N, C-alpha and C. Protein backbone atom coordinates (compact mmCIF):
# COMPACT_ATOMS: atom_id res chain seq x y z
N MET A 1 93.78 96.04 47.88
CA MET A 1 95.03 95.61 48.48
C MET A 1 94.72 94.81 49.74
N ALA A 2 95.44 93.74 49.94
CA ALA A 2 95.26 92.93 51.14
C ALA A 2 95.75 93.70 52.36
N GLU A 3 95.03 93.51 53.45
CA GLU A 3 95.39 94.19 54.69
C GLU A 3 96.62 93.54 55.30
N GLN A 4 97.55 94.35 55.78
CA GLN A 4 98.75 93.86 56.44
C GLN A 4 98.48 93.70 57.92
N LEU A 5 98.69 92.52 58.46
CA LEU A 5 98.51 92.27 59.89
C LEU A 5 99.88 92.11 60.54
N THR A 6 100.00 92.55 61.77
CA THR A 6 101.24 92.33 62.50
C THR A 6 101.27 90.89 62.98
N ARG A 7 102.44 90.42 63.39
CA ARG A 7 102.53 89.06 63.93
C ARG A 7 101.66 88.92 65.17
N GLY A 8 101.61 89.96 65.99
CA GLY A 8 100.78 89.93 67.19
C GLY A 8 99.31 89.79 66.86
N GLU A 9 98.85 90.51 65.82
CA GLU A 9 97.45 90.42 65.41
C GLU A 9 97.14 89.02 64.87
N VAL A 10 98.07 88.46 64.11
CA VAL A 10 97.88 87.10 63.60
C VAL A 10 97.80 86.13 64.76
N GLN A 11 98.70 86.25 65.73
CA GLN A 11 98.69 85.35 66.88
C GLN A 11 97.39 85.46 67.67
N ASP A 12 96.90 86.69 67.86
CA ASP A 12 95.64 86.88 68.57
C ASP A 12 94.49 86.17 67.86
N LEU A 13 94.45 86.26 66.53
CA LEU A 13 93.38 85.61 65.77
C LEU A 13 93.52 84.09 65.82
N LEU A 14 94.74 83.58 65.73
CA LEU A 14 94.96 82.13 65.81
C LEU A 14 94.50 81.60 67.17
N THR A 15 94.80 82.35 68.22
CA THR A 15 94.38 81.95 69.57
C THR A 15 92.86 81.92 69.66
N LYS A 16 92.23 82.97 69.16
CA LYS A 16 90.76 83.05 69.21
C LYS A 16 90.12 81.88 68.49
N PHE A 17 90.56 81.61 67.27
CA PHE A 17 89.96 80.55 66.48
C PHE A 17 90.28 79.17 67.04
N SER A 18 91.49 78.98 67.57
CA SER A 18 91.90 77.69 68.14
C SER A 18 91.08 77.33 69.37
N LYS A 19 90.74 78.33 70.16
CA LYS A 19 89.96 78.08 71.37
C LYS A 19 88.52 77.69 71.06
N SER A 20 87.98 78.23 69.98
CA SER A 20 86.56 78.01 69.68
C SER A 20 86.29 76.90 68.66
N ASN A 21 87.34 76.38 67.99
CA ASN A 21 87.12 75.41 66.93
C ASN A 21 88.16 74.29 67.02
N PRO A 22 87.80 73.13 67.59
CA PRO A 22 88.74 72.02 67.73
C PRO A 22 89.32 71.53 66.39
N GLN A 23 88.51 71.58 65.34
CA GLN A 23 88.98 71.14 64.02
C GLN A 23 90.05 72.11 63.50
N TYR A 24 89.84 73.38 63.70
CA TYR A 24 90.82 74.39 63.30
C TYR A 24 92.12 74.19 64.09
N ARG A 25 91.99 73.97 65.40
CA ARG A 25 93.15 73.77 66.26
C ARG A 25 93.98 72.57 65.78
N ALA A 26 93.31 71.46 65.47
CA ALA A 26 94.00 70.27 64.99
C ALA A 26 94.72 70.53 63.67
N ALA A 27 94.06 71.25 62.77
CA ALA A 27 94.68 71.58 61.48
C ALA A 27 95.89 72.48 61.68
N LEU A 28 95.79 73.43 62.58
CA LEU A 28 96.89 74.35 62.86
C LEU A 28 98.09 73.60 63.43
N LEU A 29 97.84 72.63 64.30
CA LEU A 29 98.93 71.83 64.86
C LEU A 29 99.54 70.91 63.80
N LYS A 30 98.72 70.39 62.90
CA LYS A 30 99.20 69.45 61.88
C LYS A 30 100.01 70.15 60.79
N ASN A 31 99.51 71.28 60.29
CA ASN A 31 100.19 71.96 59.19
C ASN A 31 99.97 73.48 59.30
N PRO A 32 100.69 74.13 60.21
CA PRO A 32 100.46 75.55 60.45
C PRO A 32 100.73 76.44 59.24
N LYS A 33 101.70 76.08 58.44
CA LYS A 33 102.02 76.91 57.27
C LYS A 33 100.86 76.92 56.28
N ALA A 34 100.28 75.75 56.03
CA ALA A 34 99.16 75.67 55.08
C ALA A 34 97.94 76.43 55.60
N VAL A 35 97.68 76.33 56.90
CA VAL A 35 96.53 77.04 57.47
C VAL A 35 96.74 78.55 57.35
N LEU A 36 97.93 79.03 57.69
CA LEU A 36 98.21 80.47 57.57
C LEU A 36 98.12 80.95 56.13
N GLU A 37 98.66 80.17 55.20
CA GLU A 37 98.58 80.56 53.79
C GLU A 37 97.13 80.67 53.33
N GLY A 38 96.31 79.72 53.74
CA GLY A 38 94.91 79.76 53.36
C GLY A 38 94.19 80.94 53.98
N GLN A 39 94.48 81.21 55.22
CA GLN A 39 93.82 82.31 55.92
C GLN A 39 94.22 83.66 55.35
N MET A 40 95.49 83.80 55.03
CA MET A 40 95.99 85.09 54.58
C MET A 40 95.88 85.27 53.07
N GLY A 41 95.56 84.20 52.37
CA GLY A 41 95.37 84.29 50.93
C GLY A 41 96.65 84.53 50.15
N SER A 42 97.80 84.10 50.71
CA SER A 42 99.06 84.25 49.99
C SER A 42 100.03 83.17 50.43
N LYS A 43 101.03 82.91 49.59
CA LYS A 43 102.04 81.90 49.88
C LYS A 43 103.07 82.48 50.83
N ILE A 44 103.51 81.66 51.76
CA ILE A 44 104.64 82.00 52.62
C ILE A 44 105.87 81.43 51.92
N PRO A 45 106.91 82.23 51.74
CA PRO A 45 108.10 81.75 51.01
C PRO A 45 108.64 80.43 51.57
N GLU A 46 109.17 79.59 50.68
CA GLU A 46 109.72 78.29 51.06
C GLU A 46 110.80 78.43 52.14
N ALA A 47 111.54 79.52 52.12
CA ALA A 47 112.64 79.72 53.06
C ALA A 47 112.15 79.96 54.49
N ILE A 48 110.86 80.21 54.67
CA ILE A 48 110.32 80.48 56.00
C ILE A 48 109.65 79.22 56.54
N THR A 49 110.05 78.84 57.74
CA THR A 49 109.48 77.69 58.43
C THR A 49 108.44 78.19 59.42
N VAL A 50 107.30 77.54 59.48
CA VAL A 50 106.25 77.89 60.44
C VAL A 50 106.06 76.70 61.36
N LYS A 51 106.21 76.92 62.66
CA LYS A 51 106.08 75.85 63.64
C LYS A 51 104.92 76.15 64.57
N ALA A 52 104.17 75.12 64.91
CA ALA A 52 103.11 75.24 65.91
C ALA A 52 103.57 74.49 67.16
N VAL A 53 103.45 75.14 68.29
CA VAL A 53 103.83 74.54 69.57
C VAL A 53 102.62 74.62 70.48
N GLU A 54 102.22 73.49 71.04
CA GLU A 54 101.06 73.46 71.92
C GLU A 54 101.50 73.59 73.37
N GLU A 55 100.96 74.60 74.04
CA GLU A 55 101.27 74.78 75.45
C GLU A 55 100.52 73.74 76.28
N SER A 56 101.02 73.52 77.50
CA SER A 56 100.34 72.64 78.44
C SER A 56 99.98 73.45 79.67
N PRO A 57 99.22 72.87 80.58
CA PRO A 57 98.86 73.64 81.78
C PRO A 57 100.07 74.07 82.61
N THR A 58 101.18 73.35 82.46
CA THR A 58 102.35 73.65 83.28
C THR A 58 103.53 74.24 82.50
N THR A 59 103.34 74.49 81.20
CA THR A 59 104.42 75.03 80.39
C THR A 59 103.91 76.21 79.56
N MET A 60 104.65 77.31 79.61
CA MET A 60 104.32 78.48 78.81
C MET A 60 105.53 78.80 77.93
N TYR A 61 105.29 79.13 76.69
CA TYR A 61 106.37 79.44 75.76
C TYR A 61 106.43 80.94 75.53
N VAL A 62 107.64 81.44 75.43
CA VAL A 62 107.88 82.85 75.14
C VAL A 62 108.61 82.90 73.80
N VAL A 63 108.09 83.67 72.86
CA VAL A 63 108.74 83.80 71.57
C VAL A 63 109.66 85.02 71.63
N VAL A 64 110.94 84.76 71.46
CA VAL A 64 111.93 85.82 71.45
C VAL A 64 112.14 86.21 70.00
N PRO A 65 111.82 87.46 69.63
CA PRO A 65 111.89 87.84 68.22
C PRO A 65 113.32 87.87 67.69
N TYR A 66 113.43 87.62 66.41
CA TYR A 66 114.71 87.70 65.71
C TYR A 66 115.13 89.16 65.64
N VAL A 67 116.39 89.42 65.94
CA VAL A 67 116.95 90.76 65.83
C VAL A 67 118.20 90.65 64.96
N PRO A 68 118.19 91.27 63.76
CA PRO A 68 119.36 91.18 62.90
C PRO A 68 120.55 91.91 63.52
N LYS A 69 121.74 91.46 63.14
CA LYS A 69 122.94 92.11 63.62
C LYS A 69 122.99 93.53 63.08
N PRO A 70 123.57 94.46 63.85
CA PRO A 70 123.67 95.85 63.37
C PRO A 70 124.37 95.90 62.01
N GLY A 71 123.76 96.64 61.10
CA GLY A 71 124.32 96.79 59.75
C GLY A 71 123.89 95.71 58.78
N ALA A 72 123.27 94.65 59.28
CA ALA A 72 122.82 93.58 58.38
C ALA A 72 121.65 94.09 57.54
N GLU A 73 121.66 93.76 56.28
CA GLU A 73 120.60 94.20 55.39
C GLU A 73 119.67 93.03 55.08
N LEU A 74 118.40 93.34 54.88
CA LEU A 74 117.43 92.34 54.48
C LEU A 74 117.52 92.12 52.97
N SER A 75 117.25 90.89 52.54
CA SER A 75 117.20 90.61 51.11
C SER A 75 115.97 91.29 50.53
N ASP A 76 115.92 91.40 49.21
CA ASP A 76 114.74 91.98 48.56
C ASP A 76 113.48 91.21 48.93
N GLY A 77 113.58 89.87 48.96
CA GLY A 77 112.43 89.05 49.32
C GLY A 77 111.97 89.30 50.74
N ALA A 78 112.92 89.43 51.67
CA ALA A 78 112.58 89.69 53.06
C ALA A 78 111.96 91.08 53.21
N LEU A 79 112.49 92.05 52.48
CA LEU A 79 111.92 93.40 52.52
C LEU A 79 110.49 93.41 52.01
N GLU A 80 110.25 92.65 50.95
CA GLU A 80 108.91 92.59 50.37
C GLU A 80 107.91 91.99 51.37
N MET A 81 108.37 90.99 52.16
CA MET A 81 107.49 90.34 53.12
C MET A 81 107.10 91.27 54.27
N VAL A 82 107.97 92.19 54.64
CA VAL A 82 107.67 93.05 55.79
C VAL A 82 107.19 94.43 55.39
N ALA A 83 107.17 94.70 54.09
CA ALA A 83 106.76 96.03 53.63
C ALA A 83 105.28 96.25 53.89
N GLY A 84 104.96 97.42 54.34
CA GLY A 84 103.57 97.81 54.55
C GLY A 84 103.25 98.98 53.67
N GLY A 85 102.14 99.59 53.89
CA GLY A 85 101.79 100.76 53.12
C GLY A 85 100.30 100.82 52.88
N ALA A 86 99.93 101.78 52.12
CA ALA A 86 98.51 101.99 51.85
C ALA A 86 98.25 101.83 50.38
N GLY A 87 97.06 101.42 50.07
CA GLY A 87 96.66 101.29 48.68
C GLY A 87 95.72 102.41 48.29
N GLY A 88 95.79 103.50 49.01
CA GLY A 88 94.87 104.61 48.79
C GLY A 88 95.16 105.36 47.51
N LYS A 89 94.31 106.32 47.22
CA LYS A 89 94.46 107.13 46.01
C LYS A 89 95.05 108.47 46.41
N GLY A 90 96.23 108.70 46.01
CA GLY A 90 96.86 109.97 46.33
C GLY A 90 97.57 110.48 45.11
N GLY A 91 97.98 111.67 45.18
CA GLY A 91 98.71 112.25 44.08
C GLY A 91 100.05 112.75 44.55
N GLY A 92 101.02 112.76 43.67
CA GLY A 92 102.32 113.31 44.00
C GLY A 92 103.01 112.56 45.13
N GLY A 93 102.85 111.22 45.17
CA GLY A 93 103.52 110.44 46.20
C GLY A 93 102.78 110.38 47.52
N THR A 94 101.56 110.93 47.57
CA THR A 94 100.82 110.87 48.82
C THR A 94 99.80 109.75 48.76
N GLU A 95 99.46 109.21 49.89
CA GLU A 95 98.46 108.15 50.00
C GLU A 95 97.33 108.64 50.88
N THR A 96 96.16 108.08 50.70
CA THR A 96 95.05 108.41 51.58
C THR A 96 94.74 107.22 52.45
N TYR A 97 94.34 107.46 53.67
CA TYR A 97 94.04 106.42 54.63
C TYR A 97 92.65 106.65 55.20
N THR A 98 91.95 105.58 55.50
CA THR A 98 90.67 105.72 56.18
C THR A 98 90.67 104.83 57.41
N CYS A 99 89.94 105.24 58.40
CA CYS A 99 89.82 104.44 59.63
C CYS A 99 88.41 103.89 59.76
N SER A 100 87.65 103.87 58.69
CA SER A 100 86.29 103.32 58.67
C SER A 100 85.43 103.84 59.82
N GLY A 101 85.54 105.13 60.09
CA GLY A 101 84.70 105.74 61.11
C GLY A 101 85.10 105.42 62.53
N ALA A 102 86.29 104.85 62.73
CA ALA A 102 86.71 104.50 64.08
C ALA A 102 87.01 105.75 64.89
N LYS A 103 86.71 105.70 66.15
CA LYS A 103 87.05 106.79 67.05
C LYS A 103 88.34 106.42 67.75
N GLY A 104 89.27 107.33 67.85
CA GLY A 104 90.54 107.05 68.50
C GLY A 104 91.56 106.42 67.57
N GLY A 105 91.22 106.24 66.30
CA GLY A 105 92.18 105.74 65.32
C GLY A 105 92.48 104.25 65.43
N GLN A 106 91.64 103.47 66.08
CA GLN A 106 91.91 102.05 66.20
C GLN A 106 90.76 101.24 65.63
N ASN A 107 91.11 100.21 64.91
CA ASN A 107 90.15 99.23 64.42
C ASN A 107 90.62 97.87 64.87
N THR A 108 89.74 96.91 64.95
CA THR A 108 90.11 95.57 65.35
C THR A 108 89.73 94.61 64.24
N ARG A 109 90.67 93.80 63.83
CA ARG A 109 90.41 92.76 62.83
C ARG A 109 89.88 91.55 63.56
N VAL A 110 88.74 91.03 63.16
CA VAL A 110 88.14 89.94 63.91
C VAL A 110 88.10 88.62 63.15
N GLU A 111 88.50 88.58 61.90
CA GLU A 111 88.48 87.31 61.20
C GLU A 111 89.46 87.29 60.04
N PHE A 112 89.86 86.09 59.66
CA PHE A 112 90.69 85.85 58.48
C PHE A 112 89.76 85.47 57.35
N ASN A 113 90.32 84.91 56.34
CA ASN A 113 89.58 84.37 55.21
C ASN A 113 88.70 83.22 55.71
N ALA A 114 87.40 83.39 55.62
CA ALA A 114 86.47 82.39 56.15
C ALA A 114 86.27 81.19 55.23
N THR A 115 86.87 81.20 54.05
CA THR A 115 86.66 80.11 53.11
C THR A 115 87.80 79.09 53.13
N VAL A 116 88.63 79.11 54.13
CA VAL A 116 89.77 78.21 54.20
C VAL A 116 89.33 76.78 54.44
N LYS A 117 89.93 75.85 53.70
CA LYS A 117 89.67 74.44 53.94
C LYS A 117 90.72 73.94 54.92
N LEU A 118 90.27 73.29 55.98
CA LEU A 118 91.20 72.78 56.99
C LEU A 118 91.83 71.50 56.52
N VAL A 119 93.13 71.35 56.80
CA VAL A 119 93.86 70.15 56.37
C VAL A 119 93.71 69.03 57.36
């Protein structure tokens, strides 16, 4: 099962790779949706727009997250995109989880799909 990353984790990785690889940075600015799809190994639905905004030394951007109105329900497609879970082997509705020997229950993801072709 593919690992689910939070938006914050994705942003941290994009920042890391953009700072160290000018070609990656240019591709991300040119076509961010294609770069993310390649990195994550899955298609982003057509209904979702991905925008790249380049900060300057004198301008900082703050992303204000979308908050649905109270009582609003997500579509099946939207639910599928945000659903998480484990692919472990469990019985009777239980799942098993591993932390790969981590102490304190935290692991850090340090790379995406390394075989991505830059646009």
